């Protein structure tokens, strides 16, 4: 699978920011068909860093109601990528 197809977007949340600072772990939304090996290789290729560990979680879409209409958001997959101690990925530093 192509590296740009595997990594959808970085997740910039409070928890992800804390993990980035304390454990050198970066969080991404990834393709639902991607596995841990593909995610690790894609991060190494796109950002030029050394990946130590990858954890993934499938997130089910939330049920939402708008008036009398009920629908469900899309399900997605989240990946936590732990980098080597001397490696770093900068997204929005200095903004």
N, C-alpha and C. Protein backbone atom coordinates (compact mmCIF):
# COMPACT_ATOMS: atom_id res chain seq x y z
N UNK A 1 0.84 -1.17 0.00
CA UNK A 1 0.00 0.00 0.00
C UNK A 1 0.90 1.25 0.00
N UNK A 2 0.48 2.29 -0.70
CA UNK A 2 1.24 3.52 -0.82
C UNK A 2 1.29 4.25 0.53
N UNK A 3 2.44 4.84 0.85
CA UNK A 3 2.64 5.48 2.15
C UNK A 3 1.68 6.65 2.36
N UNK A 4 1.39 7.41 1.31
CA UNK A 4 0.48 8.54 1.46
C UNK A 4 -0.97 8.09 1.61
N UNK A 5 -1.28 6.89 1.19
CA UNK A 5 -2.62 6.37 1.38
C UNK A 5 -2.80 5.79 2.79
N UNK A 6 -1.72 5.30 3.37
CA UNK A 6 -1.78 4.69 4.71
C UNK A 6 -2.01 5.76 5.77
N UNK A 7 -1.23 6.84 5.75
CA UNK A 7 -1.35 7.91 6.74
C UNK A 7 -2.35 8.93 6.23
N UNK A 8 -3.49 9.05 6.94
CA UNK A 8 -4.51 10.01 6.52
C UNK A 8 -4.21 11.42 7.03
N UNK A 9 -4.03 11.55 8.35
CA UNK A 9 -3.76 12.86 8.95
C UNK A 9 -3.23 12.66 10.36
N UNK A 10 -2.48 13.64 10.85
CA UNK A 10 -2.06 13.57 12.25
C UNK A 10 -3.21 13.98 13.16
N UNK A 11 -3.27 13.40 14.34
CA UNK A 11 -4.29 13.76 15.31
C UNK A 11 -3.64 14.68 16.35
N UNK A 12 -4.09 15.92 16.39
CA UNK A 12 -3.54 16.90 17.31
C UNK A 12 -4.60 17.15 18.39
N UNK A 13 -4.51 16.40 19.47
CA UNK A 13 -5.42 16.55 20.60
C UNK A 13 -4.59 16.80 21.85
N UNK A 14 -5.25 17.08 22.97
CA UNK A 14 -4.52 17.29 24.21
C UNK A 14 -3.75 16.04 24.64
N UNK A 15 -4.40 14.90 24.55
CA UNK A 15 -3.76 13.65 24.94
C UNK A 15 -2.59 13.32 24.01
N UNK A 16 -2.78 13.52 22.70
CA UNK A 16 -1.71 13.24 21.74
C UNK A 16 -0.53 14.17 21.96
N UNK A 17 -0.78 15.42 22.33
CA UNK A 17 0.29 16.37 22.60
C UNK A 17 1.07 15.97 23.85
N UNK A 18 0.36 15.53 24.89
CA UNK A 18 1.04 15.06 26.10
C UNK A 18 1.89 13.84 25.81
N UNK A 19 1.37 12.90 25.02
CA UNK A 19 2.13 11.69 24.69
C UNK A 19 3.35 12.02 23.84
N UNK A 20 3.21 13.02 22.97
CA UNK A 20 4.33 13.43 22.14
C UNK A 20 5.45 13.99 22.99
N UNK A 21 5.10 14.76 24.02
CA UNK A 21 6.12 15.37 24.88
C UNK A 21 6.73 14.38 25.87
N UNK A 22 5.90 13.49 26.44
CA UNK A 22 6.40 12.61 27.49
C UNK A 22 6.98 11.30 26.96
N UNK A 23 6.31 10.67 26.01
CA UNK A 23 6.73 9.34 25.57
C UNK A 23 7.26 9.30 24.14
N UNK A 24 7.41 10.48 23.48
CA UNK A 24 7.87 10.57 22.09
C UNK A 24 7.00 9.71 21.17
N UNK A 25 5.68 9.80 21.38
CA UNK A 25 4.71 9.04 20.61
C UNK A 25 3.82 9.99 19.83
N UNK A 26 3.63 9.71 18.53
CA UNK A 26 2.82 10.55 17.66
C UNK A 26 1.58 9.78 17.25
N UNK A 27 0.45 10.47 17.15
CA UNK A 27 -0.83 9.83 16.86
C UNK A 27 -1.30 10.21 15.45
N UNK A 28 -1.78 9.22 14.68
CA UNK A 28 -2.25 9.44 13.31
C UNK A 28 -3.59 8.76 13.10
N UNK A 29 -4.38 9.31 12.19
CA UNK A 29 -5.51 8.57 11.63
C UNK A 29 -4.97 7.85 10.41
N UNK A 30 -5.22 6.54 10.33
CA UNK A 30 -4.66 5.73 9.25
C UNK A 30 -5.77 5.02 8.50
N UNK A 31 -5.42 4.45 7.36
CA UNK A 31 -6.36 3.70 6.53
C UNK A 31 -6.86 2.48 7.30
N UNK A 32 -8.13 2.17 7.16
CA UNK A 32 -8.71 1.05 7.92
C UNK A 32 -8.12 -0.30 7.52
N UNK A 33 -7.60 -0.42 6.31
CA UNK A 33 -7.04 -1.69 5.85
C UNK A 33 -5.56 -1.85 6.18
N UNK A 34 -4.93 -0.81 6.72
CA UNK A 34 -3.49 -0.85 7.01
C UNK A 34 -3.23 -1.61 8.31
N UNK A 35 -2.12 -2.34 8.33
CA UNK A 35 -1.72 -3.03 9.57
C UNK A 35 -0.54 -2.31 10.20
N UNK A 36 -0.04 -2.82 11.33
CA UNK A 36 1.02 -2.15 12.08
C UNK A 36 2.30 -2.01 11.25
N UNK A 37 2.65 -3.03 10.51
CA UNK A 37 3.88 -3.01 9.73
C UNK A 37 3.81 -1.94 8.65
N UNK A 38 2.67 -1.85 7.95
CA UNK A 38 2.51 -0.85 6.91
C UNK A 38 2.53 0.57 7.48
N UNK A 39 1.92 0.75 8.65
CA UNK A 39 1.91 2.07 9.29
C UNK A 39 3.33 2.48 9.66
N UNK A 40 4.09 1.59 10.27
CA UNK A 40 5.47 1.89 10.65
C UNK A 40 6.34 2.24 9.45
N UNK A 41 6.21 1.47 8.38
CA UNK A 41 7.00 1.74 7.18
C UNK A 41 6.61 3.07 6.53
N UNK A 42 5.30 3.38 6.54
CA UNK A 42 4.84 4.64 5.96
C UNK A 42 5.37 5.84 6.73
N UNK A 43 5.37 5.77 8.06
CA UNK A 43 5.89 6.88 8.87
C UNK A 43 7.39 7.04 8.64
N UNK A 44 8.12 5.94 8.58
CA UNK A 44 9.56 6.02 8.33
C UNK A 44 9.84 6.63 6.96
N UNK A 45 9.05 6.27 5.96
CA UNK A 45 9.26 6.77 4.60
C UNK A 45 8.87 8.24 4.47
N UNK A 46 7.72 8.63 5.02
CA UNK A 46 7.23 9.99 4.84
C UNK A 46 8.00 11.02 5.67
N UNK A 47 8.37 10.66 6.91
CA UNK A 47 8.98 11.63 7.81
C UNK A 47 10.46 11.40 8.04
N UNK A 48 11.01 10.29 7.56
CA UNK A 48 12.44 10.03 7.71
C UNK A 48 12.88 9.84 9.15
N UNK A 49 12.09 9.10 9.93
CA UNK A 49 12.40 8.86 11.34
C UNK A 49 12.48 7.36 11.59
N UNK A 50 13.02 6.97 12.75
CA UNK A 50 13.11 5.57 13.15
C UNK A 50 11.94 5.25 14.08
N UNK A 51 11.13 4.24 13.72
CA UNK A 51 9.96 3.84 14.49
C UNK A 51 10.31 2.65 15.36
N UNK A 52 9.99 2.74 16.65
CA UNK A 52 10.24 1.64 17.58
C UNK A 52 9.02 0.75 17.75
N UNK A 53 7.82 1.35 17.83
CA UNK A 53 6.62 0.60 18.19
C UNK A 53 5.41 1.25 17.55
N UNK A 54 4.44 0.42 17.15
CA UNK A 54 3.18 0.91 16.59
C UNK A 54 2.03 0.20 17.29
N UNK A 55 1.05 0.98 17.76
CA UNK A 55 -0.17 0.43 18.33
C UNK A 55 -1.34 0.99 17.53
N UNK A 56 -2.34 0.16 17.25
CA UNK A 56 -3.51 0.61 16.48
C UNK A 56 -4.79 0.30 17.24
N UNK A 57 -5.82 1.08 16.94
CA UNK A 57 -7.14 0.88 17.54
C UNK A 57 -8.20 1.22 16.51
N UNK A 58 -9.19 0.36 16.38
CA UNK A 58 -10.33 0.63 15.51
C UNK A 58 -11.36 1.44 16.28
N UNK A 59 -11.80 2.53 15.71
CA UNK A 59 -12.78 3.41 16.34
C UNK A 59 -14.10 3.30 15.56
N UNK A 60 -15.14 2.91 16.25
CA UNK A 60 -16.45 2.82 15.61
C UNK A 60 -17.04 4.21 15.44
N UNK A 61 -17.81 4.38 14.37
CA UNK A 61 -18.45 5.66 14.11
C UNK A 61 -19.56 5.93 15.12
N UNK A 62 -19.70 7.19 15.53
CA UNK A 62 -20.73 7.55 16.50
C UNK A 62 -22.10 7.59 15.83
N UNK A 63 -23.11 7.21 16.60
CA UNK A 63 -24.48 7.37 16.15
C UNK A 63 -24.90 8.80 16.44
N UNK A 64 -25.46 9.47 15.45
CA UNK A 64 -25.89 10.85 15.59
C UNK A 64 -27.35 10.98 15.17
N UNK A 65 -28.03 11.91 15.81
CA UNK A 65 -29.43 12.15 15.50
C UNK A 65 -29.62 13.62 15.20
N UNK A 66 -30.24 13.93 14.08
CA UNK A 66 -30.57 15.30 13.70
C UNK A 66 -32.09 15.35 13.50
N UNK A 67 -32.79 15.79 14.55
CA UNK A 67 -34.25 15.78 14.47
C UNK A 67 -34.77 14.36 14.47
N UNK A 68 -35.50 14.01 13.45
CA UNK A 68 -36.03 12.64 13.37
C UNK A 68 -35.15 11.71 12.57
N UNK A 69 -34.05 12.23 12.02
CA UNK A 69 -33.16 11.42 11.21
C UNK A 69 -32.00 10.90 12.06
N UNK A 70 -31.69 9.63 11.89
CA UNK A 70 -30.61 8.99 12.63
C UNK A 70 -29.60 8.46 11.63
N UNK A 71 -28.32 8.68 11.91
CA UNK A 71 -27.27 8.19 11.04
C UNK A 71 -26.03 7.87 11.83
N UNK A 72 -25.05 7.32 11.16
CA UNK A 72 -23.81 6.93 11.81
C UNK A 72 -22.63 7.51 11.06
N UNK A 73 -21.65 8.05 11.81
CA UNK A 73 -20.42 8.54 11.20
C UNK A 73 -19.57 7.35 10.77
N UNK A 74 -18.57 7.63 9.92
CA UNK A 74 -17.71 6.56 9.43
C UNK A 74 -16.82 6.03 10.55
N UNK A 75 -16.55 4.73 10.52
CA UNK A 75 -15.58 4.13 11.43
C UNK A 75 -14.18 4.47 10.90
N UNK A 76 -13.19 4.53 11.81
CA UNK A 76 -11.84 4.88 11.42
C UNK A 76 -10.84 4.17 12.31
N UNK A 77 -9.57 4.25 11.93
CA UNK A 77 -8.50 3.58 12.68
C UNK A 77 -7.48 4.61 13.13
N UNK A 78 -7.05 4.46 14.39
CA UNK A 78 -6.07 5.35 15.01
C UNK A 78 -4.80 4.56 15.25
N UNK A 79 -3.65 5.21 15.05
CA UNK A 79 -2.36 4.57 15.30
C UNK A 79 -1.48 5.46 16.16
N UNK A 80 -0.88 4.87 17.20
CA UNK A 80 0.11 5.55 18.03
C UNK A 80 1.47 5.01 17.62
N UNK A 81 2.36 5.89 17.19
CA UNK A 81 3.67 5.50 16.70
C UNK A 81 4.72 6.04 17.66
N UNK A 82 5.48 5.13 18.30
CA UNK A 82 6.55 5.54 19.22
C UNK A 82 7.84 5.63 18.44
N UNK A 83 8.50 6.79 18.54
CA UNK A 83 9.73 7.05 17.80
C UNK A 83 10.94 6.78 18.68
N UNK A 84 12.09 6.62 18.03
CA UNK A 84 13.35 6.46 18.76
C UNK A 84 13.61 7.72 19.57
N UNK A 85 14.37 7.61 20.68
CA UNK A 85 14.57 8.76 21.58
C UNK A 85 15.14 10.01 20.91
N UNK A 86 15.98 9.86 19.89
CA UNK A 86 16.59 11.02 19.26
C UNK A 86 15.81 11.53 18.05
N UNK A 87 14.67 10.91 17.73
CA UNK A 87 13.87 11.29 16.57
C UNK A 87 12.73 12.23 16.97
N UNK A 88 12.25 13.03 16.02
CA UNK A 88 11.18 13.98 16.31
C UNK A 88 10.43 14.32 15.03
N UNK A 89 9.11 14.48 15.14
CA UNK A 89 8.27 14.95 14.04
C UNK A 89 7.61 16.24 14.49
N UNK A 90 7.80 17.32 13.75
CA UNK A 90 7.22 18.61 14.09
C UNK A 90 6.04 18.89 13.16
N UNK A 91 4.86 19.17 13.73
CA UNK A 91 3.70 19.48 12.91
C UNK A 91 3.40 20.97 12.91
N UNK A 92 3.10 21.54 14.08
CA UNK A 92 2.70 22.93 14.16
C UNK A 92 3.52 23.69 15.19
N UNK A 93 4.79 23.42 15.28
CA UNK A 93 5.64 24.11 16.26
C UNK A 93 5.90 25.54 15.77
N UNK A 94 5.79 26.50 16.67
CA UNK A 94 6.08 27.87 16.33
C UNK A 94 4.93 28.62 15.67
N UNK A 95 3.74 28.04 15.67
CA UNK A 95 2.58 28.70 15.05
C UNK A 95 1.84 29.48 16.10
